[in-house]
């Protein structure tokens, strides 16, 4: 019920902000900005959209139920910008589909982290315990690096992140049962698993804090979430304004003053 209420409120806010910001550009086509089911839509609605609408841009946020739909819609020209994927993932999609997406800007990005409902300490780890990790190659490799840093597992040498699978995770100090699952099910998997590596956006969507996790990823630059656009649109005025908004002092203040974003990776443009 809580999640339904959140989504309903978000949709209402989207509509109000879009209506308020049309101004003199009311007749221009809407700029469609896409998100998966995550906190990045909240960041945009509350921290970015007011900046964009104040500049007269007609923005239409669109939340997709599945991330896999977003890049396809961008290639088809139905989406103008997206905030949900890493640069490494974007480049792999470009390679696989012949798309030409580029990074426009960084956003405040949620790292992966290791969580548990059954255990209060990393010291509880034992042989035979079950750990769930995301089932897509890039995020699975990131998850395995967290476990590797703890010394729990080792990783087969020479494996590219885009081709990574659970078969590339080898025993370290412990022999563990590593299971790949849909990332959206990671928190729910803790009903049965001992530990789970959870993508940060799903932690946020449940009102939890990343900083409360047992171990937090040191996220490589290629795995932070970015603002993505088609290369052909990079010189559009709205694209330049969107980049400026994500790098602005206003957005920085919004993120730093919101306790739920404690533990997020901050854009380098703010340094």
C-alpha atoms as a PDB file:
ATOM      1  CA  UNK A   1       0.000   0.000   0.000  1.00  0.00           C
ATOM      2  CA  UNK A   2       2.881   2.332   0.880  1.00  0.00           C
ATOM      3  CA  UNK A   3       4.457   1.799  -2.541  1.00  0.00           C
ATOM      4  CA  UNK A   4       1.142   2.402  -4.367  1.00  0.00           C
ATOM      5  CA  UNK A   5       0.732   5.675  -2.480  1.00  0.00           C
ATOM      6  CA  UNK A   6       4.275   6.747  -3.365  1.00  0.00           C
ATOM      7  CA  UNK A   7       3.742   6.040  -7.055  1.00  0.00           C
ATOM      8  CA  UNK A   8       0.400   7.885  -7.059  1.00  0.00           C
ATOM      9  CA  UNK A   9       1.909  10.947  -5.409  1.00  0.00           C
ATOM     10  CA  UNK A  10       4.866  10.892  -7.810  1.00  0.00           C
ATOM     11  CA  UNK A  11       2.574  10.797 -10.846  1.00  0.00           C
ATOM     12  CA  UNK A  12       0.529  13.736  -9.526  1.00  0.00           C
ATOM     13  CA  UNK A  13       3.700  15.746  -8.835  1.00  0.00           C
ATOM     14  CA  UNK A  14       5.018  14.962 -12.326  1.00  0.00           C
ATOM     15  CA  UNK A  15       1.860  16.329 -13.880  1.00  0.00           C
ATOM     16  CA  UNK A  16       1.796  19.478 -11.773  1.00  0.00           C
ATOM     17  CA  UNK A  17       5.438  20.291 -12.428  1.00  0.00           C
ATOM     18  CA  UNK A  18       5.090  19.678 -16.144  1.00  0.00           C
ATOM     19  CA  UNK A  19       2.027  21.919 -16.325  1.00  0.00           C
ATOM     20  CA  UNK A  20       3.678  24.710 -14.353  1.00  0.00           C
ATOM     21  CA  UNK A  21       6.792  24.753 -16.493  1.00  0.00           C
ATOM     22  CA  UNK A  22       5.408  24.889 -19.985  1.00  0.00           C
ATOM     23  CA  UNK A  23       5.361  28.680 -20.232  1.00  0.00           C
ATOM     24  CA  UNK A  24       6.269  30.095 -23.595  1.00  0.00           C
ATOM     25  CA  UNK A  25       7.452  26.684 -24.816  1.00  0.00           C
ATOM     26  CA  UNK A  26       3.976  25.191 -24.271  1.00  0.00           C
ATOM     27  CA  UNK A  27       3.642  24.241 -27.915  1.00  0.00           C
ATOM     28  CA  UNK A  28       7.026  22.533 -28.177  1.00  0.00           C
ATOM     29  CA  UNK A  29       7.217  18.717 -28.112  1.00  0.00           C
ATOM     30  CA  UNK A  30       7.652  17.198 -24.675  1.00  0.00           C
ATOM     31  CA  UNK A  31      11.111  16.017 -23.635  1.00  0.00           C
ATOM     32  CA  UNK A  32      10.532  12.459 -22.437  1.00  0.00           C
ATOM     33  CA  UNK A  33      12.852  11.449 -19.590  1.00  0.00           C
ATOM     34  CA  UNK A  34      12.756   7.751 -18.684  1.00  0.00           C
ATOM     35  CA  UNK A  35      13.410   5.859 -15.464  1.00  0.00           C
ATOM     36  CA  UNK A  36      13.154   2.328 -14.188  1.00  0.00           C
ATOM     37  CA  UNK A  37      11.430   1.581 -10.870  1.00  0.00           C
ATOM     38  CA  UNK A  38      13.946   3.373  -8.651  1.00  0.00           C
ATOM     39  CA  UNK A  39      14.798   6.445  -6.606  1.00  0.00           C
ATOM     40  CA  UNK A  40      16.225   8.259  -9.644  1.00  0.00           C
ATOM     41  CA  UNK A  41      12.751   9.382 -10.678  1.00  0.00           C
ATOM     42  CA  UNK A  42      12.310  10.937  -7.217  1.00  0.00           C
ATOM     43  CA  UNK A  43      15.641  12.736  -7.599  1.00  0.00           C
ATOM     44  CA  UNK A  44      14.511  14.112 -10.939  1.00  0.00           C
ATOM     45  CA  UNK A  45      11.014  15.166  -9.877  1.00  0.00           C
ATOM     46  CA  UNK A  46      12.138  16.906  -6.710  1.00  0.00           C
ATOM     47  CA  UNK A  47      15.625  18.120  -7.578  1.00  0.00           C
ATOM     48  CA  UNK A  48      15.913  18.527 -11.353  1.00  0.00           C
ATOM     49  CA  UNK A  49      12.467  19.104 -12.804  1.00  0.00           C
ATOM     50  CA  UNK A  50      11.906  22.448 -11.025  1.00  0.00           C
ATOM     51  CA  UNK A  51      15.145  23.739 -12.581  1.00  0.00           C
ATOM     52  CA  UNK A  52      14.168  22.547 -16.051  1.00  0.00           C
ATOM     53  CA  UNK A  53      10.588  23.816 -15.933  1.00  0.00           C
ATOM     54  CA  UNK A  54      11.796  27.198 -14.658  1.00  0.00           C
ATOM     55  CA  UNK A  55      13.780  27.453 -17.902  1.00  0.00           C
ATOM     56  CA  UNK A  56      10.612  26.817 -19.894  1.00  0.00           C
ATOM     57  CA  UNK A  57      11.196  23.203 -20.899  1.00  0.00           C
ATOM     58  CA  UNK A  58       8.183  20.918 -21.301  1.00  0.00           C
ATOM     59  CA  UNK A  59       9.255  17.734 -19.513  1.00  0.00           C
ATOM     60  CA  UNK A  60       7.427  14.403 -19.453  1.00  0.00           C
ATOM     61  CA  UNK A  61       8.902  11.946 -16.927  1.00  0.00           C
ATOM     62  CA  UNK A  62       8.072   8.325 -17.713  1.00  0.00           C
ATOM     63  CA  UNK A  63       8.648   5.394 -15.364  1.00  0.00           C
ATOM     64  CA  UNK A  64       9.029   2.011 -17.062  1.00  0.00           C
ATOM     65  CA  UNK A  65       8.184  -1.178 -15.201  1.00  0.00           C
ATOM     66  CA  UNK A  66      11.229  -2.897 -16.728  1.00  0.00           C
ATOM     67  CA  UNK A  67      14.635  -1.329 -17.374  1.00  0.00           C
ATOM     68  CA  UNK A  68      15.012  -3.382 -20.554  1.00  0.00           C
ATOM     69  CA  UNK A  69      12.268  -1.331 -22.218  1.00  0.00           C
ATOM     70  CA  UNK A  70      14.020   2.003 -21.829  1.00  0.00           C
ATOM     71  CA  UNK A  71      16.954   1.724 -24.245  1.00  0.00           C
ATOM     72  CA  UNK A  72      14.701   0.170 -26.869  1.00  0.00           C
ATOM     73  CA  UNK A  73      12.356   3.153 -26.576  1.00  0.00           C
ATOM     74  CA  UNK A  74      15.288   5.560 -26.820  1.00  0.00           C
ATOM     75  CA  UNK A  75      16.520   3.880 -29.994  1.00  0.00           C
ATOM     76  CA  UNK A  76      12.994   4.171 -31.423  1.00  0.00           C
ATOM     77  CA  UNK A  77      12.955   7.908 -30.669  1.00  0.00           C
ATOM     78  CA  UNK A  78      10.254   7.679 -28.001  1.00  0.00           C
ATOM     79  CA  UNK A  79      12.607   8.642 -25.141  1.00  0.00           C
ATOM     80  CA  UNK A  80      15.013  11.597 -25.179  1.00  0.00           C
ATOM     81  CA  UNK A  81      16.946  10.979 -21.954  1.00  0.00           C
ATOM     82  CA  UNK A  82      17.189   8.288 -19.303  1.00  0.00           C
ATOM     83  CA  UNK A  83      18.532   7.964 -15.788  1.00  0.00           C
ATOM     84  CA  UNK A  84      18.916   4.331 -14.756  1.00  0.00           C
ATOM     85  CA  UNK A  85      22.065   2.749 -16.207  1.00  0.00           C
ATOM     86  CA  UNK A  86      25.837   2.846 -15.842  1.00  0.00           C
ATOM     87  CA  UNK A  87      28.277   3.854 -18.552  1.00  0.00           C
ATOM     88  CA  UNK A  88      29.560   0.271 -18.789  1.00  0.00           C
ATOM     89  CA  UNK A  89      26.037  -1.043 -19.327  1.00  0.00           C
ATOM     90  CA  UNK A  90      25.243   1.695 -21.862  1.00  0.00           C
ATOM     91  CA  UNK A  91      28.333   0.881 -23.915  1.00  0.00           C
ATOM     92  CA  UNK A  92      27.435  -2.800 -23.973  1.00  0.00           C
ATOM     93  CA  UNK A  93      23.908  -1.991 -25.179  1.00  0.00           C
ATOM     94  CA  UNK A  94      25.396   0.246 -27.873  1.00  0.00           C
ATOM     95  CA  UNK A  95      27.564  -2.657 -29.001  1.00  0.00           C
ATOM     96  CA  UNK A  96      24.776  -5.216 -28.974  1.00  0.00           C
ATOM     97  CA  UNK A  97      22.048  -3.122 -30.582  1.00  0.00           C
ATOM     98  CA  UNK A  98      23.884  -0.622 -32.776  1.00  0.00           C
ATOM     99  CA  UNK A  99      22.583   2.270 -30.667  1.00  0.00           C
ATOM    100  CA  UNK A 100      24.571   5.481 -30.252  1.00  0.00           C
ATOM    101  CA  UNK A 101      23.872   6.609 -26.706  1.00  0.00           C
ATOM    102  CA  UNK A 102      26.257   8.855 -24.784  1.00  0.00           C
ATOM    103  CA  UNK A 103      26.764   9.989 -21.222  1.00  0.00           C
ATOM    104  CA  UNK A 104      25.426  13.492 -20.584  1.00  0.00           C
ATOM    105  CA  UNK A 105      26.094  13.810 -16.843  1.00  0.00           C
ATOM    106  CA  UNK A 106      26.491  11.953 -13.567  1.00  0.00           C
ATOM    107  CA  UNK A 107      23.830  11.835 -10.900  1.00  0.00           C
ATOM    108  CA  UNK A 108      23.954  10.960  -7.220  1.00  0.00           C
ATOM    109  CA  UNK A 109      24.332   7.209  -7.570  1.00  0.00           C
ATOM    110  CA  UNK A 110      23.387   4.372  -5.235  1.00  0.00           C
ATOM    111  CA  UNK A 111      26.166   1.818  -4.670  1.00  0.00           C
ATOM    112  CA  UNK A 112      25.513  -1.872  -4.218  1.00  0.00           C
ATOM    113  CA  UNK A 113      25.687  -3.184  -0.681  1.00  0.00           C
ATOM    114  CA  UNK A 114      25.553  -6.413   1.289  1.00  0.00           C
ATOM    115  CA  UNK A 115      22.562  -6.842   3.594  1.00  0.00           C
ATOM    116  CA  UNK A 116      21.052  -9.507   5.810  1.00  0.00           C
ATOM    117  CA  UNK A 117      17.916 -10.065   7.851  1.00  0.00           C
ATOM    118  CA  UNK A 118      19.281 -13.109   9.666  1.00  0.00           C
ATOM    119  CA  UNK A 119      22.741 -11.870  10.592  1.00  0.00           C
ATOM    120  CA  UNK A 120      23.939  -8.727  12.337  1.00  0.00           C
ATOM    121  CA  UNK A 121      27.639  -9.101  11.523  1.00  0.00           C
ATOM    122  CA  UNK A 122      29.917 -10.151   8.685  1.00  0.00           C
ATOM    123  CA  UNK A 123      31.600 -12.427  11.228  1.00  0.00           C
ATOM    124  CA  UNK A 124      28.546 -14.708  11.085  1.00  0.00           C
ATOM    125  CA  UNK A 125      29.579 -16.062   7.664  1.00  0.00           C
ATOM    126  CA  UNK A 126      29.970 -19.854   7.474  1.00  0.00           C
ATOM    127  CA  UNK A 127      30.492 -22.489   4.783  1.00  0.00           C
ATOM    128  CA  UNK A 128      27.305 -23.426   2.973  1.00  0.00           C
ATOM    129  CA  UNK A 129      25.476 -20.143   3.528  1.00  0.00           C
ATOM    130  CA  UNK A 130      23.360 -18.755   0.688  1.00  0.00           C
ATOM    131  CA  UNK A 131      24.071 -15.364  -0.874  1.00  0.00           C
ATOM    132  CA  UNK A 132      21.966 -13.858  -3.657  1.00  0.00           C
ATOM    133  CA  UNK A 133      23.407 -11.515  -6.290  1.00  0.00           C
ATOM    134  CA  UNK A 134      21.894  -9.725  -9.337  1.00  0.00           C
ATOM    135  CA  UNK A 135      21.409 -11.894 -12.418  1.00  0.00           C
ATOM    136  CA  UNK A 136      22.683  -9.472 -15.078  1.00  0.00           C
ATOM    137  CA  UNK A 137      26.409  -9.776 -15.910  1.00  0.00           C
ATOM    138  CA  UNK A 138      27.574  -6.256 -15.030  1.00  0.00           C
ATOM    139  CA  UNK A 139      25.823  -6.110 -11.658  1.00  0.00           C
ATOM    140  CA  UNK A 140      26.717  -9.726 -10.870  1.00  0.00           C
ATOM    141  CA  UNK A 141      30.393  -8.895 -11.364  1.00  0.00           C
ATOM    142  CA  UNK A 142      30.074  -5.852  -9.111  1.00  0.00           C
ATOM    143  CA  UNK A 143      28.421  -7.993  -6.435  1.00  0.00           C
ATOM    144  CA  UNK A 144      31.144 -10.623  -6.670  1.00  0.00           C
ATOM    145  CA  UNK A 145      33.788  -7.913  -6.143  1.00  0.00           C
ATOM    146  CA  UNK A 146      32.179  -7.033  -2.807  1.00  0.00           C
ATOM    147  CA  UNK A 147      32.379 -10.668  -1.722  1.00  0.00           C
ATOM    148  CA  UNK A 148      35.925 -10.936  -3.055  1.00  0.00           C
ATOM    149  CA  UNK A 149      37.054  -7.904  -1.059  1.00  0.00           C
ATOM    150  CA  UNK A 150      35.679  -9.567   2.081  1.00  0.00           C
ATOM    151  CA  UNK A 151      37.761 -12.642   1.248  1.00  0.00           C
ATOM    152  CA  UNK A 152      34.680 -14.839   1.036  1.00  0.00           C
ATOM    153  CA  UNK A 153      35.169 -15.769  -2.645  1.00  0.00           C
ATOM    154  CA  UNK A 154      37.659 -15.471  -5.476  1.00  0.00           C
ATOM    155  CA  UNK A 155      36.905 -14.542  -9.083  1.00  0.00           C
ATOM    156  CA  UNK A 156      38.105 -16.358 -12.151  1.00  0.00           C
ATOM    157  CA  UNK A 157      40.840 -14.302 -13.849  1.00  0.00           C
ATOM    158  CA  UNK A 158      40.335 -12.662 -17.231  1.00  0.00           C
ATOM    159  CA  UNK A 159      36.534 -12.571 -17.214  1.00  0.00           C
ATOM    160  CA  UNK A 160      34.980  -9.458 -18.788  1.00  0.00           C
ATOM    161  CA  UNK A 161      32.181  -7.880 -16.707  1.00  0.00           C
ATOM    162  CA  UNK A 162      29.784  -8.019 -19.653  1.00  0.00           C
ATOM    163  CA  UNK A 163      30.195 -11.801 -19.830  1.00  0.00           C
ATOM    164  CA  UNK A 164      30.316 -12.481 -16.108  1.00  0.00           C
ATOM    165  CA  UNK A 165      28.178 -15.196 -14.478  1.00  0.00           C
ATOM    166  CA  UNK A 166      27.937 -17.032 -11.179  1.00  0.00           C
ATOM    167  CA  UNK A 167      30.148 -19.742 -12.699  1.00  0.00           C
ATOM    168  CA  UNK A 168      33.055 -17.287 -12.501  1.00  0.00           C
ATOM    169  CA  UNK A 169      32.786 -17.078  -8.697  1.00  0.00           C
ATOM    170  CA  UNK A 170      35.107 -19.540  -6.962  1.00  0.00           C
ATOM    171  CA  UNK A 171      35.531 -20.447  -3.275  1.00  0.00           C
ATOM    172  CA  UNK A 172      37.671 -18.140  -1.167  1.00  0.00           C
ATOM    173  CA  UNK A 173      37.831 -18.475   2.590  1.00  0.00           C
ATOM    174  CA  UNK A 174      34.392 -20.089   2.397  1.00  0.00           C
ATOM    175  CA  UNK A 175      32.434 -22.368   0.090  1.00  0.00           C
ATOM    176  CA  UNK A 176      29.137 -20.582  -0.424  1.00  0.00           C
ATOM    177  CA  UNK A 177      25.892 -21.124  -2.303  1.00  0.00           C
ATOM    178  CA  UNK A 178      25.749 -18.129  -4.668  1.00  0.00           C
ATOM    179  CA  UNK A 179      22.414 -17.653  -6.428  1.00  0.00           C
ATOM    180  CA  UNK A 180      21.605 -15.190  -9.212  1.00  0.00           C
ATOM    181  CA  UNK A 181      18.188 -13.540  -8.978  1.00  0.00           C
ATOM    182  CA  UNK A 182      16.277 -10.631 -10.488  1.00  0.00           C
ATOM    183  CA  UNK A 183      17.763  -7.509  -8.824  1.00  0.00           C
ATOM    184  CA  UNK A 184      14.283  -6.299  -7.876  1.00  0.00           C
ATOM    185  CA  UNK A 185      13.815  -9.436  -5.752  1.00  0.00           C
ATOM    186  CA  UNK A 186      17.047  -9.071  -3.767  1.00  0.00           C
ATOM    187  CA  UNK A 187      15.540  -7.676  -0.573  1.00  0.00           C
ATOM    188  CA  UNK A 188      12.722 -10.210  -0.662  1.00  0.00           C
ATOM    189  CA  UNK A 189      15.282 -12.992  -1.085  1.00  0.00           C
ATOM    190  CA  UNK A 190      16.509 -12.264   2.446  1.00  0.00           C
ATOM    191  CA  UNK A 191      13.509 -14.223   3.723  1.00  0.00           C
ATOM    192  CA  UNK A 192      15.405 -17.353   2.646  1.00  0.00           C
ATOM    193  CA  UNK A 193      19.018 -16.295   1.975  1.00  0.00           C
ATOM    194  CA  UNK A 194      21.665 -15.491   4.572  1.00  0.00           C
ATOM    195  CA  UNK A 195      22.961 -12.432   2.730  1.00  0.00           C
ATOM    196  CA  UNK A 196      22.087 -10.525  -0.440  1.00  0.00           C
ATOM    197  CA  UNK A 197      23.957  -8.008  -2.553  1.00  0.00           C
ATOM    198  CA  UNK A 198      21.356  -5.365  -3.339  1.00  0.00           C
ATOM    199  CA  UNK A 199      21.425  -2.579  -5.924  1.00  0.00           C
ATOM    200  CA  UNK A 200      21.143   0.700  -4.046  1.00  0.00           C
ATOM    201  CA  UNK A 201      18.052   1.997  -5.830  1.00  0.00           C
ATOM    202  CA  UNK A 202      15.978  -0.889  -4.447  1.00  0.00           C
ATOM    203  CA  UNK A 203      17.151  -0.142  -0.925  1.00  0.00           C
ATOM    204  CA  UNK A 204      16.078   3.466  -1.327  1.00  0.00           C
ATOM    205  CA  UNK A 205      12.690   2.546  -2.807  1.00  0.00           C
ATOM    206  CA  UNK A 206      11.871   0.696   0.434  1.00  0.00           C
ATOM    207  CA  UNK A 207      12.784   3.685   2.583  1.00  0.00           C
ATOM    208  CA  UNK A 208      15.966   2.026   3.873  1.00  0.00           C
ATOM    209  CA  UNK A 209      19.427   3.580   4.167  1.00  0.00           C
ATOM    210  CA  UNK A 210      22.416   2.300   2.225  1.00  0.00           C
ATOM    211  CA  UNK A 211      24.626   3.392   5.108  1.00  0.00           C
ATOM    212  CA  UNK A 212      22.960   0.747   7.316  1.00  0.00           C
ATOM    213  CA  UNK A 213      24.290  -2.112   5.157  1.00  0.00           C
ATOM    214  CA  UNK A 214      26.922  -4.594   6.369  1.00  0.00           C
ATOM    215  CA  UNK A 215      29.319  -3.788   3.501  1.00  0.00           C
ATOM    216  CA  UNK A 216      29.153  -1.081   0.832  1.00  0.00           C
ATOM    217  CA  UNK A 217      30.690  -1.207  -2.627  1.00  0.00           C
ATOM    218  CA  UNK A 218      33.518   1.105  -3.643  1.00  0.00           C
ATOM    219  CA  UNK A 219      31.864   1.723  -6.985  1.00  0.00           C
ATOM    220  CA  UNK A 220      34.154   2.089 -10.033  1.00  0.00           C
ATOM    221  CA  UNK A 221      33.425   5.124 -12.207  1.00  0.00           C
ATOM    222  CA  UNK A 222      32.093   2.983 -15.049  1.00  0.00           C
ATOM    223  CA  UNK A 223      29.372   1.588 -12.770  1.00  0.00           C
ATOM    224  CA  UNK A 224      27.857   4.784 -11.357  1.00  0.00           C
ATOM    225  CA  UNK A 225      24.462   5.781 -12.727  1.00  0.00           C
ATOM    226  CA  UNK A 226      24.524   8.366 -15.497  1.00  0.00           C
ATOM    227  CA  UNK A 227      22.189  10.553 -17.510  1.00  0.00           C
ATOM    228  CA  UNK A 228      22.041   9.031 -20.995  1.00  0.00           C
ATOM    229  CA  UNK A 229      20.905  10.621 -24.255  1.00  0.00           C
ATOM    230  CA  UNK A 230      21.177   9.784 -27.960  1.00  0.00           C
ATOM    231  CA  UNK A 231      24.386  11.278 -29.372  1.00  0.00           C
ATOM    232  CA  UNK A 232      22.354  13.113 -32.012  1.00  0.00           C
ATOM    233  CA  UNK A 233      20.678  15.239 -29.306  1.00  0.00           C
ATOM    234  CA  UNK A 234      23.777  16.380 -27.411  1.00  0.00           C
ATOM    235  CA  UNK A 235      23.692  19.934 -28.806  1.00  0.00           C
ATOM    236  CA  UNK A 236      19.995  20.517 -28.121  1.00  0.00           C
ATOM    237  CA  UNK A 237      19.397  23.441 -25.715  1.00  0.00           C
ATOM    238  CA  UNK A 238      17.397  21.232 -23.346  1.00  0.00           C
ATOM    239  CA  UNK A 239      20.279  18.730 -23.191  1.00  0.00           C
ATOM    240  CA  UNK A 240      22.718  21.467 -22.204  1.00  0.00           C
ATOM    241  CA  UNK A 241      20.273  22.703 -19.564  1.00  0.00           C
ATOM    242  CA  UNK A 242      19.758  19.159 -18.249  1.00  0.00           C
ATOM    243  CA  UNK A 243      23.508  18.668 -17.856  1.00  0.00           C
ATOM    244  CA  UNK A 244      23.781  22.012 -16.063  1.00  0.00           C
ATOM    245  CA  UNK A 245      20.895  21.083 -13.752  1.00  0.00           C
ATOM    246  CA  UNK A 246      22.557  17.832 -12.656  1.00  0.00           C
ATOM    247  CA  UNK A 247      25.799  19.720 -11.972  1.00  0.00           C
ATOM    248  CA  UNK A 248      24.104  22.658 -10.233  1.00  0.00           C
ATOM    249  CA  UNK A 249      24.386  23.882  -6.657  1.00  0.00           C
ATOM    250  CA  UNK A 250      20.596  23.572  -6.358  1.00  0.00           C
ATOM    251  CA  UNK A 251      20.620  19.832  -7.068  1.00  0.00           C
ATOM    252  CA  UNK A 252      23.671  19.342  -4.850  1.00  0.00           C
ATOM    253  CA  UNK A 253      21.870  21.029  -1.948  1.00  0.00           C
ATOM    254  CA  UNK A 254      18.795  18.857  -2.484  1.00  0.00           C
ATOM    255  CA  UNK A 255      20.823  15.621  -2.337  1.00  0.00           C
ATOM    256  CA  UNK A 256      22.984  16.641   0.625  1.00  0.00           C
ATOM    257  CA  UNK A 257      19.972  17.755   2.669  1.00  0.00           C
ATOM    258  CA  UNK A 258      17.978  14.548   2.113  1.00  0.00           C
ATOM    259  CA  UNK A 259      18.953  11.912   4.738  1.00  0.00           C
ATOM    260  CA  UNK A 260      17.837   9.012   2.531  1.00  0.00           C
ATOM    261  CA  UNK A 261      20.718   9.762   0.152  1.00  0.00           C
ATOM    262  CA  UNK A 262      23.314   9.214   2.866  1.00  0.00           C
ATOM    263  CA  UNK A 263      25.868   6.811   1.405  1.00  0.00           C
ATOM    264  CA  UNK A 264      25.289   7.768  -2.230  1.00  0.00           C
ATOM    265  CA  UNK A 265      28.174   8.385  -4.629  1.00  0.00           C
ATOM    266  CA  UNK A 266      28.241  12.087  -5.472  1.00  0.00           C
ATOM    267  CA  UNK A 267      28.936  13.481  -8.963  1.00  0.00           C
ATOM    268  CA  UNK A 268      32.542  14.495  -9.571  1.00  0.00           C
ATOM    269  CA  UNK A 269      31.298  17.837 -10.912  1.00  0.00           C
ATOM    270  CA  UNK A 270      30.465  18.762  -7.310  1.00  0.00           C
ATOM    271  CA  UNK A 271      34.036  18.301  -6.088  1.00  0.00           C
END
